Amino acid sequence: MRPILVTAALLLAAAATPVSAAGLDCPASLTVQAQPDAPGGWSPYPGRDSHGFAGVSIVEGDRAAQMASAAPATLAPDREVRRGRSLLQVWEFAGPRRETVFVVCRYRDTQATLAADLPRSIRRCTLTLETDIRGAVLEEPKTPPRLDCR
């Protein structure tokens, strides 16, 4: 079987609340166009799939180079705080930044993502994730992850 090429085709404004980061909104879902790479004798027919929002990564460096890399420079949160059935991940950006920092919106069951630069005026980002009773982050939460950057 040959791989399916996936490209972001259309963003949907879904009923769930989008994730917002200083005016940057991760859509609650992402529709992707899949174009099969058909072997000889087969005819390819594209498909469209909708994928729910899964979370964000915060990455530092040149966006084009980092997104082309197999291992982008993803920033680990500076701290994590458990609050009830939520996990808060906090990134602090003190002082001037040498490199560009950008947000990558990730979606369930696809490698397709969206990315946008984080304004240099942002000093802190907090991602709130829903957890189960044991504190494990839910893969399909009732409420989507929330990102607040100020």
N, C-alpha and C. Protein backbone atom coordinates (compact mmCIF):
# COMPACT_ATOMS: atom_id res chain seq x y z
N MET A 1 0.85 -1.18 0.00
CA MET A 1 0.00 0.00 0.00
C MET A 1 0.89 1.24 0.00
N ARG A 2 0.53 2.24 -0.76
CA ARG A 2 1.33 3.45 -0.85
C ARG A 2 0.76 4.51 0.09
N PRO A 3 1.60 5.43 0.54
CA PRO A 3 1.13 6.44 1.49
C PRO A 3 0.11 7.39 0.89
N ILE A 4 -0.71 7.95 1.74
CA ILE A 4 -1.69 8.96 1.34
C ILE A 4 -1.09 10.32 1.64
N LEU A 5 -1.12 11.21 0.67
CA LEU A 5 -0.63 12.57 0.88
C LEU A 5 -1.76 13.40 1.46
N VAL A 6 -1.47 14.11 2.54
CA VAL A 6 -2.50 14.90 3.21
C VAL A 6 -2.09 16.36 3.21
N THR A 7 -3.00 17.23 2.79
CA THR A 7 -2.75 18.68 2.84
C THR A 7 -3.95 19.35 3.48
N ALA A 8 -3.69 20.42 4.20
CA ALA A 8 -4.78 21.18 4.81
C ALA A 8 -5.57 21.84 3.68
N ALA A 9 -6.87 21.63 3.67
CA ALA A 9 -7.67 22.16 2.57
C ALA A 9 -8.62 23.24 3.02
N LEU A 10 -9.28 23.06 4.16
CA LEU A 10 -10.33 23.98 4.54
C LEU A 10 -10.45 23.99 6.04
N LEU A 11 -10.54 25.15 6.65
CA LEU A 11 -10.74 25.27 8.09
C LEU A 11 -12.22 25.44 8.36
N LEU A 12 -12.72 24.74 9.37
CA LEU A 12 -14.12 24.86 9.71
C LEU A 12 -14.27 25.56 11.04
N ALA A 13 -15.27 26.41 11.13
CA ALA A 13 -15.61 27.02 12.41
C ALA A 13 -16.66 26.10 13.03
N ALA A 14 -16.23 25.29 13.99
CA ALA A 14 -17.12 24.31 14.60
C ALA A 14 -17.80 24.91 15.83
N ALA A 15 -18.77 24.19 16.34
CA ALA A 15 -19.53 24.68 17.49
C ALA A 15 -18.69 24.77 18.75
N ALA A 16 -17.66 23.94 18.88
CA ALA A 16 -16.81 23.97 20.07
C ALA A 16 -16.02 25.27 20.09
N THR A 17 -15.65 25.70 21.28
CA THR A 17 -14.91 26.94 21.43
C THR A 17 -13.51 26.79 20.85
N PRO A 18 -13.06 27.70 19.99
CA PRO A 18 -11.72 27.60 19.45
C PRO A 18 -10.69 27.99 20.51
N VAL A 19 -9.46 27.57 20.30
CA VAL A 19 -8.37 27.93 21.19
C VAL A 19 -7.84 29.28 20.74
N SER A 20 -7.60 30.17 21.67
CA SER A 20 -7.17 31.51 21.31
C SER A 20 -5.83 31.84 21.95
N ALA A 21 -4.93 32.43 21.19
CA ALA A 21 -3.63 32.86 21.69
C ALA A 21 -3.38 34.25 21.16
N ALA A 22 -3.71 35.26 21.95
CA ALA A 22 -3.46 36.64 21.57
C ALA A 22 -3.97 36.96 20.17
N GLY A 23 -5.22 36.58 19.92
CA GLY A 23 -5.80 36.85 18.62
C GLY A 23 -5.60 35.72 17.62
N LEU A 24 -4.77 34.75 17.96
CA LEU A 24 -4.58 33.58 17.09
C LEU A 24 -5.56 32.52 17.56
N ASP A 25 -6.43 32.08 16.68
CA ASP A 25 -7.41 31.07 17.06
C ASP A 25 -7.12 29.75 16.37
N CYS A 26 -6.94 28.69 17.17
CA CYS A 26 -6.86 27.35 16.60
C CYS A 26 -8.30 26.92 16.36
N PRO A 27 -8.67 26.65 15.11
CA PRO A 27 -10.04 26.19 14.86
C PRO A 27 -10.32 24.89 15.62
N ALA A 28 -11.56 24.71 16.01
CA ALA A 28 -11.96 23.53 16.78
C ALA A 28 -11.84 22.25 15.96
N SER A 29 -11.85 22.37 14.62
CA SER A 29 -11.64 21.21 13.77
C SER A 29 -10.93 21.65 12.50
N LEU A 30 -10.37 20.68 11.81
CA LEU A 30 -9.63 20.94 10.58
C LEU A 30 -10.08 19.91 9.54
N THR A 31 -10.43 20.38 8.36
CA THR A 31 -10.78 19.48 7.27
C THR A 31 -9.56 19.36 6.38
N VAL A 32 -9.18 18.12 6.06
CA VAL A 32 -8.03 17.89 5.19
C VAL A 32 -8.48 17.14 3.94
N GLN A 33 -7.78 17.42 2.87
CA GLN A 33 -8.01 16.76 1.59
C GLN A 33 -6.95 15.67 1.47
N ALA A 34 -7.37 14.42 1.33
CA ALA A 34 -6.44 13.31 1.17
C ALA A 34 -6.41 12.90 -0.29
N GLN A 35 -5.21 12.85 -0.87
CA GLN A 35 -5.04 12.45 -2.26
C GLN A 35 -4.21 11.17 -2.28
N PRO A 36 -4.86 10.03 -2.56
CA PRO A 36 -4.11 8.77 -2.57
C PRO A 36 -3.08 8.73 -3.70
N ASP A 37 -1.98 8.08 -3.46
CA ASP A 37 -0.95 7.83 -4.46
C ASP A 37 -1.22 6.42 -4.97
N ALA A 38 -1.89 6.30 -6.11
CA ALA A 38 -2.38 5.01 -6.59
C ALA A 38 -1.31 4.23 -7.35
N PRO A 39 -1.19 2.94 -7.04
CA PRO A 39 -0.27 2.09 -7.81
C PRO A 39 -0.86 1.81 -9.20
N GLY A 40 -0.03 1.28 -10.09
CA GLY A 40 -0.47 0.98 -11.46
C GLY A 40 -1.75 0.16 -11.49
N GLY A 41 -2.66 0.54 -12.38
CA GLY A 41 -3.92 -0.18 -12.53
C GLY A 41 -5.04 0.32 -11.63
N TRP A 42 -4.74 1.20 -10.73
CA TRP A 42 -5.74 1.73 -9.80
C TRP A 42 -5.98 3.21 -10.10
N SER A 43 -7.20 3.67 -9.89
CA SER A 43 -7.53 5.08 -10.07
C SER A 43 -7.70 5.72 -8.70
N PRO A 44 -6.98 6.81 -8.42
CA PRO A 44 -7.10 7.47 -7.11
C PRO A 44 -8.34 8.37 -7.04
N TYR A 45 -9.01 8.37 -5.91
CA TYR A 45 -10.13 9.26 -5.66
C TYR A 45 -9.89 9.93 -4.32
N PRO A 46 -9.82 11.27 -4.31
CA PRO A 46 -9.52 11.98 -3.07
C PRO A 46 -10.66 11.87 -2.07
N GLY A 47 -10.32 12.10 -0.83
CA GLY A 47 -11.30 12.10 0.24
C GLY A 47 -11.12 13.33 1.11
N ARG A 48 -12.14 13.65 1.87
CA ARG A 48 -12.08 14.76 2.81
C ARG A 48 -12.42 14.22 4.19
N ASP A 49 -11.63 14.60 5.16
CA ASP A 49 -11.83 14.15 6.53
C ASP A 49 -11.77 15.35 7.47
N SER A 50 -12.62 15.34 8.48
CA SER A 50 -12.60 16.38 9.50
C SER A 50 -11.95 15.81 10.76
N HIS A 51 -11.08 16.59 11.38
CA HIS A 51 -10.33 16.14 12.55
C HIS A 51 -10.51 17.15 13.68
N GLY A 52 -10.83 16.66 14.88
CA GLY A 52 -11.03 17.52 16.04
C GLY A 52 -9.71 18.03 16.60
N PHE A 53 -9.77 19.20 17.20
CA PHE A 53 -8.61 19.83 17.81
C PHE A 53 -8.05 18.95 18.92
N ALA A 54 -6.72 18.78 18.95
CA ALA A 54 -6.08 17.92 19.94
C ALA A 54 -5.19 18.70 20.90
N GLY A 55 -4.63 19.81 20.50
CA GLY A 55 -3.74 20.56 21.39
C GLY A 55 -2.78 21.41 20.59
N VAL A 56 -1.81 21.97 21.29
CA VAL A 56 -0.83 22.85 20.66
C VAL A 56 0.57 22.42 21.04
N SER A 57 1.48 22.83 20.21
CA SER A 57 2.90 22.78 20.54
C SER A 57 3.40 24.20 20.38
N ILE A 58 4.35 24.57 21.20
CA ILE A 58 4.98 25.88 21.07
C ILE A 58 6.41 25.61 20.64
N VAL A 59 6.80 26.23 19.53
CA VAL A 59 8.08 25.93 18.89
C VAL A 59 8.87 27.22 18.74
N GLU A 60 10.20 27.09 18.84
CA GLU A 60 11.09 28.24 18.70
C GLU A 60 11.98 28.05 17.48
N GLY A 61 12.17 29.12 16.71
CA GLY A 61 13.05 29.07 15.55
C GLY A 61 12.34 29.52 14.29
N ASP A 62 13.03 29.40 13.17
CA ASP A 62 12.46 29.76 11.88
C ASP A 62 11.32 28.80 11.56
N ARG A 63 10.12 29.34 11.35
CA ARG A 63 8.95 28.48 11.19
C ARG A 63 9.09 27.53 10.00
N ALA A 64 9.52 28.03 8.84
CA ALA A 64 9.63 27.17 7.66
C ALA A 64 10.62 26.03 7.91
N ALA A 65 11.77 26.34 8.49
CA ALA A 65 12.78 25.31 8.76
C ALA A 65 12.31 24.33 9.83
N GLN A 66 11.70 24.84 10.88
CA GLN A 66 11.24 23.96 11.98
C GLN A 66 10.13 23.03 11.52
N MET A 67 9.19 23.54 10.73
CA MET A 67 8.07 22.70 10.27
C MET A 67 8.54 21.66 9.26
N ALA A 68 9.64 21.91 8.56
CA ALA A 68 10.20 20.94 7.62
C ALA A 68 11.06 19.90 8.33
N SER A 69 11.44 20.19 9.57
CA SER A 69 12.31 19.29 10.35
C SER A 69 11.54 18.10 10.89
N ALA A 70 12.22 16.96 10.98
CA ALA A 70 11.62 15.77 11.57
C ALA A 70 11.46 15.94 13.08
N ALA A 71 12.28 16.80 13.69
CA ALA A 71 12.23 17.04 15.13
C ALA A 71 12.30 18.53 15.42
N PRO A 72 11.17 19.25 15.29
CA PRO A 72 11.19 20.69 15.55
C PRO A 72 11.55 21.00 17.00
N ALA A 73 12.06 22.21 17.23
CA ALA A 73 12.51 22.64 18.57
C ALA A 73 11.30 23.00 19.44
N THR A 74 10.53 21.99 19.81
CA THR A 74 9.34 22.21 20.65
C THR A 74 9.79 22.60 22.06
N LEU A 75 9.18 23.66 22.57
CA LEU A 75 9.51 24.13 23.92
C LEU A 75 8.70 23.36 24.95
N ALA A 76 9.37 22.85 25.96
CA ALA A 76 8.68 22.19 27.07
C ALA A 76 8.08 23.28 27.95
N PRO A 77 6.94 22.99 28.59
CA PRO A 77 6.38 23.99 29.51
C PRO A 77 7.37 24.27 30.64
N ASP A 78 7.36 25.51 31.14
CA ASP A 78 8.21 25.85 32.28
C ASP A 78 7.70 25.22 33.56
N ARG A 79 6.38 25.01 33.61
CA ARG A 79 5.80 24.31 34.78
C ARG A 79 4.44 23.73 34.41
N GLU A 80 4.04 22.74 35.20
CA GLU A 80 2.72 22.13 35.05
C GLU A 80 2.04 22.14 36.41
N VAL A 81 0.75 22.45 36.41
CA VAL A 81 -0.02 22.52 37.64
C VAL A 81 -1.29 21.70 37.44
N ARG A 82 -1.57 20.81 38.37
CA ARG A 82 -2.83 20.05 38.33
C ARG A 82 -3.85 20.81 39.16
N ARG A 83 -5.03 21.00 38.57
CA ARG A 83 -6.10 21.72 39.25
C ARG A 83 -7.40 20.95 38.98
N GLY A 84 -7.83 20.13 39.95
CA GLY A 84 -9.03 19.32 39.76
C GLY A 84 -8.82 18.34 38.62
N ARG A 85 -9.72 18.38 37.63
CA ARG A 85 -9.64 17.50 36.47
C ARG A 85 -8.98 18.20 35.28
N SER A 86 -8.07 19.13 35.60
CA SER A 86 -7.35 19.87 34.56
C SER A 86 -5.85 19.85 34.83
N LEU A 87 -5.11 19.91 33.73
CA LEU A 87 -3.66 20.08 33.80
C LEU A 87 -3.35 21.40 33.10
N LEU A 88 -2.67 22.29 33.80
CA LEU A 88 -2.26 23.57 33.22
C LEU A 88 -0.78 23.49 32.90
N GLN A 89 -0.43 23.77 31.65
CA GLN A 89 0.97 23.84 31.23
C GLN A 89 1.27 25.31 30.96
N VAL A 90 2.37 25.80 31.54
CA VAL A 90 2.68 27.23 31.46
C VAL A 90 4.06 27.44 30.83
N TRP A 91 4.10 28.31 29.82
CA TRP A 91 5.35 28.73 29.20
C TRP A 91 5.56 30.20 29.54
N GLU A 92 6.76 30.55 30.00
CA GLU A 92 7.10 31.94 30.33
C GLU A 92 8.11 32.45 29.30
N PHE A 93 7.90 33.69 28.84
CA PHE A 93 8.80 34.31 27.88
C PHE A 93 9.28 35.63 28.48
N ALA A 94 10.29 35.56 29.32
CA ALA A 94 10.82 36.76 29.99
C ALA A 94 11.89 37.40 29.11
N GLY A 95 11.85 38.71 29.01
CA GLY A 95 12.86 39.44 28.25
C GLY A 95 12.70 39.28 26.75
N PRO A 96 13.58 39.95 26.01
CA PRO A 96 13.49 39.89 24.55
C PRO A 96 13.85 38.49 24.02
N ARG A 97 13.16 38.09 22.94
CA ARG A 97 13.43 36.78 22.34
C ARG A 97 14.39 36.94 21.18
N ARG A 98 15.33 36.02 21.10
CA ARG A 98 16.27 36.02 19.97
C ARG A 98 15.65 35.34 18.76
N GLU A 99 14.85 34.33 19.01
CA GLU A 99 14.25 33.53 17.95
C GLU A 99 12.74 33.78 17.89
N THR A 100 12.16 33.47 16.75
CA THR A 100 10.70 33.52 16.60
C THR A 100 10.10 32.36 17.40
N VAL A 101 8.98 32.61 18.04
CA VAL A 101 8.23 31.56 18.73
C VAL A 101 6.88 31.49 18.02
N PHE A 102 6.44 30.26 17.74
CA PHE A 102 5.16 30.11 17.06
C PHE A 102 4.36 28.97 17.67
N VAL A 103 3.05 29.04 17.44
CA VAL A 103 2.11 28.05 17.96
C VAL A 103 1.74 27.12 16.81
N VAL A 104 1.75 25.82 17.10
CA VAL A 104 1.32 24.81 16.13
C VAL A 104 0.04 24.18 16.66
N CYS A 105 -1.04 24.30 15.92
CA CYS A 105 -2.31 23.68 16.29
C CYS A 105 -2.30 22.25 15.75
N ARG A 106 -2.53 21.28 16.66
CA ARG A 106 -2.53 19.86 16.27
C ARG A 106 -3.95 19.31 16.32
N TYR A 107 -4.22 18.32 15.46
CA TYR A 107 -5.55 17.73 15.33
C TYR A 107 -5.47 16.21 15.40
N ARG A 108 -6.53 15.60 15.93
CA ARG A 108 -6.57 14.14 16.10
C ARG A 108 -6.54 13.41 14.76
N ASP A 109 -5.80 12.31 14.75
CA ASP A 109 -5.76 11.37 13.62
C ASP A 109 -5.33 11.98 12.30
N THR A 110 -4.45 12.98 12.34
CA THR A 110 -3.87 13.54 11.11
C THR A 110 -2.52 14.16 11.45
N GLN A 111 -1.66 14.20 10.45
CA GLN A 111 -0.38 14.89 10.61
C GLN A 111 -0.49 16.34 10.16
N ALA A 112 -1.62 16.71 9.57
CA ALA A 112 -1.83 18.09 9.13
C ALA A 112 -1.93 19.01 10.35
N THR A 113 -1.29 20.15 10.28
CA THR A 113 -1.29 21.12 11.38
C THR A 113 -1.48 22.53 10.82
N LEU A 114 -1.67 23.47 11.72
CA LEU A 114 -1.69 24.89 11.39
C LEU A 114 -0.66 25.57 12.28
N ALA A 115 -0.01 26.62 11.81
CA ALA A 115 1.00 27.31 12.62
C ALA A 115 0.89 28.81 12.40
N ALA A 116 1.18 29.57 13.46
CA ALA A 116 1.20 31.04 13.38
C ALA A 116 2.19 31.57 14.41
N ASP A 117 2.87 32.65 14.04
CA ASP A 117 3.83 33.27 14.95
C ASP A 117 3.13 33.86 16.17
N LEU A 118 3.78 33.76 17.32
CA LEU A 118 3.31 34.35 18.56
C LEU A 118 3.88 35.77 18.63
N PRO A 119 3.04 36.79 18.81
CA PRO A 119 3.56 38.16 18.89
C PRO A 119 4.64 38.29 19.97
N ARG A 120 5.63 39.11 19.71
CA ARG A 120 6.75 39.28 20.66
C ARG A 120 6.31 39.92 21.98
N SER A 121 5.15 40.54 22.00
CA SER A 121 4.65 41.16 23.23
C SER A 121 4.14 40.12 24.24
N ILE A 122 3.92 38.89 23.81
CA ILE A 122 3.42 37.83 24.69
C ILE A 122 4.50 37.43 25.69
N ARG A 123 4.14 37.36 26.95
CA ARG A 123 5.08 36.99 28.02
C ARG A 123 4.76 35.65 28.67
N ARG A 124 3.52 35.16 28.50
CA ARG A 124 3.14 33.88 29.12
C ARG A 124 2.02 33.24 28.32
N CYS A 125 2.12 31.91 28.16
CA CYS A 125 1.05 31.12 27.56
C CYS A 125 0.69 30.00 28.52
N THR A 126 -0.62 29.80 28.71
CA THR A 126 -1.12 28.73 29.58
C THR A 126 -2.06 27.86 28.76
N LEU A 127 -1.76 26.57 28.70
CA LEU A 127 -2.60 25.59 28.02
C LEU A 127 -3.32 24.77 29.09
N THR A 128 -4.65 24.72 29.01
CA THR A 128 -5.46 23.94 29.96
C THR A 128 -5.99 22.71 29.26
N LEU A 129 -5.66 21.55 29.81
CA LEU A 129 -6.06 20.26 29.25
C LEU A 129 -6.94 19.52 30.24
N GLU A 130 -7.96 18.81 29.75
CA GLU A 130 -8.84 18.01 30.61
C GLU A 130 -8.18 16.67 30.91
N THR A 131 -8.28 16.23 32.16
CA THR A 131 -7.67 14.95 32.58
C THR A 131 -8.73 14.01 33.14
N ASP A 132 -8.35 12.74 33.24
CA ASP A 132 -9.24 11.80 33.91
C ASP A 132 -9.00 11.87 35.41
N ILE A 133 -9.66 11.02 36.16
CA ILE A 133 -9.58 11.07 37.62
C ILE A 133 -8.17 10.78 38.14
N ARG A 134 -7.37 10.06 37.33
CA ARG A 134 -5.99 9.73 37.73
C ARG A 134 -4.99 10.81 37.32
N GLY A 135 -5.46 11.80 36.56
CA GLY A 135 -4.59 12.89 36.13
C GLY A 135 -4.02 12.73 34.74
N ALA A 136 -4.41 11.66 34.00
CA ALA A 136 -3.93 11.47 32.63
C ALA A 136 -4.74 12.37 31.68
N VAL A 137 -4.06 13.00 30.76
CA VAL A 137 -4.72 13.87 29.79
C VAL A 137 -5.61 13.03 28.87
N LEU A 138 -6.86 13.48 28.70
CA LEU A 138 -7.82 12.76 27.86
C LEU A 138 -7.53 13.00 26.39
N GLU A 139 -7.55 11.93 25.58
CA GLU A 139 -7.32 12.07 24.14
C GLU A 139 -8.51 12.70 23.44
N GLU A 140 -9.72 12.42 23.93
CA GLU A 140 -10.93 13.01 23.35
C GLU A 140 -11.74 13.66 24.48
N PRO A 141 -11.30 14.85 24.92
CA PRO A 141 -11.97 15.51 26.04
C PRO A 141 -13.35 16.05 25.67
N LYS A 142 -14.19 16.26 26.69
CA LYS A 142 -15.51 16.87 26.47
C LYS A 142 -15.35 18.34 26.11
N THR A 143 -14.36 18.99 26.73
CA THR A 143 -14.07 20.39 26.41
C THR A 143 -12.71 20.46 25.73
N PRO A 144 -12.59 21.19 24.62
CA PRO A 144 -11.30 21.24 23.91
C PRO A 144 -10.24 21.93 24.76
N PRO A 145 -8.97 21.63 24.50
CA PRO A 145 -7.89 22.34 25.20
C PRO A 145 -8.05 23.85 25.00
N ARG A 146 -7.64 24.62 26.00
CA ARG A 146 -7.72 26.09 25.92
C ARG A 146 -6.34 26.68 26.07
N LEU A 147 -5.98 27.58 25.18
CA LEU A 147 -4.70 28.27 25.23
C LEU A 147 -4.95 29.75 25.48
N ASP A 148 -4.31 30.29 26.50
CA ASP A 148 -4.44 31.71 26.82
C ASP A 148 -3.03 32.29 26.85
N CYS A 149 -2.76 33.25 25.97
CA CYS A 149 -1.45 33.89 25.90
C CYS A 149 -1.63 35.38 26.14
N ARG A 150 -0.80 35.93 27.00
CA ARG A 150 -0.86 37.37 27.35
C ARG A 150 0.52 37.98 27.36
